[in-house]
N, C-alpha and C. Protein backbone atom coordinates (compact mmCIF):
# COMPACT_ATOMS: atom_id res chain seq x y z
N MET A 1 36.93 26.71 46.06
CA MET A 1 36.02 28.04 46.47
C MET A 1 34.65 27.56 46.79
N PHE A 2 33.91 27.68 47.65
CA PHE A 2 32.53 28.00 47.53
C PHE A 2 31.92 28.93 47.24
N ASN A 3 30.92 28.88 46.87
CA ASN A 3 30.17 30.15 45.88
C ASN A 3 28.54 29.86 46.45
N LYS A 4 28.27 30.58 47.41
CA LYS A 4 26.88 30.51 47.67
C LYS A 4 25.75 31.29 47.04
N ARG A 5 24.88 30.79 46.66
CA ARG A 5 23.79 31.35 45.89
C ARG A 5 22.64 32.07 47.07
N ILE A 6 22.44 33.44 46.48
CA ILE A 6 21.53 34.24 47.40
C ILE A 6 20.23 34.39 46.33
N ASP A 7 19.15 34.17 46.80
CA ASP A 7 18.01 34.54 46.35
C ASP A 7 17.41 35.83 46.75
N CYS A 8 17.02 36.66 45.87
CA CYS A 8 16.32 37.63 45.79
C CYS A 8 15.12 37.83 46.44
N ARG A 9 15.21 38.43 47.99
CA ARG A 9 13.87 37.99 48.82
C ARG A 9 12.67 38.85 48.60
N TYR A 10 12.94 39.76 47.14
CA TYR A 10 11.54 39.86 46.45
C TYR A 10 11.17 39.40 45.25
N CYS A 11 11.99 38.84 44.35
CA CYS A 11 11.87 38.18 43.35
C CYS A 11 12.19 36.90 43.24
N GLN A 12 12.88 36.38 44.06
CA GLN A 12 13.33 34.99 44.44
C GLN A 12 14.33 34.48 43.03
N GLN A 13 14.90 35.79 42.12
CA GLN A 13 16.08 35.44 41.24
C GLN A 13 17.15 35.23 41.81
N THR A 14 18.00 34.40 41.65
CA THR A 14 19.61 33.79 41.88
C THR A 14 20.58 34.57 41.17
N GLU A 15 20.28 34.61 39.81
CA GLU A 15 21.46 34.62 38.62
C GLU A 15 21.48 36.43 38.57
N PHE A 16 20.66 37.24 39.25
CA PHE A 16 20.74 38.56 38.84
C PHE A 16 21.56 39.40 40.45
N VAL A 17 21.60 38.31 41.35
CA VAL A 17 21.88 39.10 42.81
C VAL A 17 23.36 39.20 42.85
N LYS A 18 24.00 40.62 43.17
CA LYS A 18 25.49 40.71 43.17
C LYS A 18 25.65 41.26 44.73
N LYS A 19 26.80 41.31 44.93
CA LYS A 19 26.91 41.85 46.50
C LYS A 19 27.06 43.09 46.11
N HIS A 20 26.43 44.01 47.45
CA HIS A 20 26.63 45.25 47.20
C HIS A 20 26.61 46.42 47.98
N GLY A 21 28.46 46.00 48.90
CA GLY A 21 28.70 46.45 49.85
C GLY A 21 28.65 45.99 51.43
N VAL A 22 28.62 46.23 52.42
CA VAL A 22 28.33 45.96 53.72
C VAL A 22 27.33 47.02 54.43
N ALA A 23 26.35 46.47 55.27
CA ALA A 23 25.59 47.47 56.07
C ALA A 23 26.44 47.75 57.44
N ARG A 24 25.68 48.86 57.83
CA ARG A 24 26.53 49.25 59.14
C ARG A 24 26.62 48.12 60.26
N SER A 25 25.46 47.32 60.07
CA SER A 25 25.11 46.16 61.09
C SER A 25 26.56 44.88 60.69
N GLY A 26 27.28 45.46 59.76
CA GLY A 26 28.54 44.50 59.15
C GLY A 26 27.88 43.14 58.43
N TYR A 27 26.48 43.48 58.26
CA TYR A 27 26.00 42.00 57.22
C TYR A 27 26.27 42.56 55.82
N GLN A 28 26.76 41.64 55.08
CA GLN A 28 26.62 41.89 53.65
C GLN A 28 25.50 42.59 53.36
N ARG A 29 25.33 43.46 52.05
CA ARG A 29 24.36 43.50 51.53
C ARG A 29 24.33 43.11 49.98
N TYR A 30 23.49 43.01 49.12
CA TYR A 30 23.53 42.57 47.88
C TYR A 30 22.39 43.52 47.17
N TYR A 31 22.39 43.35 45.75
CA TYR A 31 21.70 44.19 44.75
C TYR A 31 21.32 43.14 43.72
N CYS A 32 19.38 43.48 43.47
CA CYS A 32 19.22 42.38 42.56
C CYS A 32 19.06 43.15 41.27
N SER A 33 19.47 42.80 40.37
CA SER A 33 19.79 43.95 38.75
C SER A 33 18.26 43.58 38.33
N SER A 34 17.44 42.19 38.66
CA SER A 34 16.22 41.96 37.90
C SER A 34 15.32 43.13 38.49
N CYS A 35 14.76 43.01 39.49
CA CYS A 35 13.79 44.03 40.29
C CYS A 35 14.75 45.56 40.65
N ARG A 36 16.03 45.31 40.91
CA ARG A 36 16.62 46.88 41.30
C ARG A 36 16.31 47.01 42.44
N ARG A 37 16.34 46.17 43.40
CA ARG A 37 16.08 46.46 44.65
C ARG A 37 17.73 45.90 45.44
N THR A 38 17.59 46.59 46.63
CA THR A 38 18.70 46.01 47.81
C THR A 38 18.19 45.20 48.74
N PHE A 39 19.20 44.54 49.24
CA PHE A 39 18.82 43.70 50.44
C PHE A 39 19.75 43.09 51.33
N GLN A 40 19.64 42.49 52.58
CA GLN A 40 20.64 42.00 53.09
C GLN A 40 19.88 40.29 53.55
N ALA A 41 21.20 39.24 53.72
CA ALA A 41 20.34 38.08 54.25
C ALA A 41 20.20 37.87 55.61
N LYS A 42 20.15 38.80 55.96
CA LYS A 42 20.39 38.58 57.57
C LYS A 42 20.31 40.02 58.15
N TYR A 43 18.85 40.48 58.81
CA TYR A 43 18.54 41.58 59.45
C TYR A 43 18.85 41.27 60.95
N ILE A 44 19.20 42.86 61.77
CA ILE A 44 19.10 42.82 63.17
C ILE A 44 17.96 43.81 63.36
N TYR A 45 16.50 43.43 63.99
CA TYR A 45 15.84 44.11 64.83
C TYR A 45 15.94 43.99 66.44
N THR A 46 15.93 45.05 67.09
CA THR A 46 15.94 44.93 68.36
C THR A 46 14.90 45.01 69.01
N ILE A 47 13.79 45.08 68.29
CA ILE A 47 12.61 44.75 68.99
C ILE A 47 12.23 43.50 69.32
N ASN A 48 12.83 42.52 68.65
CA ASN A 48 12.62 40.87 68.87
C ASN A 48 13.29 40.58 69.94
N LYS A 49 14.12 41.34 70.41
CA LYS A 49 14.76 40.76 71.70
C LYS A 49 13.36 40.70 72.58
N LYS A 50 13.29 39.32 73.37
CA LYS A 50 12.16 39.14 74.56
C LYS A 50 11.99 40.33 75.75
N GLU A 51 12.90 40.59 76.23
CA GLU A 51 13.01 41.87 77.36
C GLU A 51 12.10 43.17 76.77
N GLU A 52 12.56 43.41 75.44
CA GLU A 52 11.94 44.72 75.02
C GLU A 52 10.81 44.35 74.52
N THR A 53 10.07 43.10 74.30
CA THR A 53 9.20 43.01 73.50
C THR A 53 8.11 42.66 74.70
N GLN A 54 8.25 42.22 75.99
CA GLN A 54 7.68 41.96 76.85
C GLN A 54 7.44 43.43 77.54
N SER A 55 7.98 44.32 77.64
CA SER A 55 8.07 46.14 78.00
C SER A 55 7.20 46.32 77.11
N SER A 56 7.18 46.24 76.20
CA SER A 56 6.58 47.20 74.91
C SER A 56 4.95 46.81 75.48
N HIS A 57 4.56 45.31 75.59
CA HIS A 57 3.52 44.89 76.11
C HIS A 57 3.03 45.19 76.88
N GLU A 58 3.71 45.61 77.99
CA GLU A 58 3.56 45.97 79.32
C GLU A 58 2.82 47.56 79.50
N VAL A 59 3.74 48.29 78.58
CA VAL A 59 3.27 49.42 78.18
C VAL A 59 2.01 49.92 77.55
N ASN A 60 1.68 48.71 76.31
CA ASN A 60 0.31 48.71 75.78
C ASN A 60 -0.90 48.21 76.91
N LYS A 61 -0.42 47.44 77.93
CA LYS A 61 -1.62 46.69 78.92
C LYS A 61 -2.08 48.10 79.71
N GLN A 62 -0.70 49.14 80.22
CA GLN A 62 -0.97 49.84 81.25
C GLN A 62 -2.16 51.29 80.74
N GLN A 63 -1.76 51.59 79.02
CA GLN A 63 -2.06 52.25 78.38
C GLN A 63 -2.04 53.80 78.78
N LEU A 64 -0.55 53.82 78.64
CA LEU A 64 -0.15 55.02 79.14
C LEU A 64 0.03 55.55 77.75
N LYS A 65 -0.12 57.31 78.44
CA LYS A 65 0.21 58.43 77.45
C LYS A 65 1.68 58.35 76.76
N TYR A 66 1.31 58.90 75.59
CA TYR A 66 2.75 58.71 74.94
C TYR A 66 3.93 59.60 75.39
N SER A 67 3.49 60.60 76.13
CA SER A 67 4.75 61.72 77.05
C SER A 67 5.04 60.78 78.25
N ASP A 68 4.23 59.75 78.77
CA ASP A 68 4.49 59.23 79.88
C ASP A 68 5.56 57.92 79.51
N THR A 69 5.51 57.45 78.28
CA THR A 69 6.51 56.16 77.84
C THR A 69 7.71 56.64 77.87
N ALA A 70 8.02 58.05 77.52
CA ALA A 70 9.43 58.43 77.33
C ALA A 70 9.99 58.26 78.79
N ALA A 71 9.36 58.64 80.14
CA ALA A 71 9.90 58.46 81.69
C ALA A 71 10.40 56.96 81.57
N LEU A 72 9.79 55.79 80.72
CA LEU A 72 10.17 54.46 81.11
C LEU A 72 11.58 53.96 80.53
N THR A 73 12.25 53.27 81.50
CA THR A 73 13.63 52.53 81.13
C THR A 73 13.36 51.09 80.93
N ILE A 74 14.07 50.88 79.79
CA ILE A 74 14.25 49.43 79.20
C ILE A 74 15.09 48.58 79.60
């Protein structure tokens, strides 16, 4: 059996990190008892998709009002 050691992304400890359930995205969550924080080894951020990032830059270039951005479709 292979045990993968996970470093805490906040305090970099490995010996205090335990599994702490599963996030809605399906990724494993972890709890560090040293700094008492929870985290995931991998996250999903939709803004990192290339199309959406380009669209948000286009909106900034056009300098639209906040109310006008609701009508845009991505």
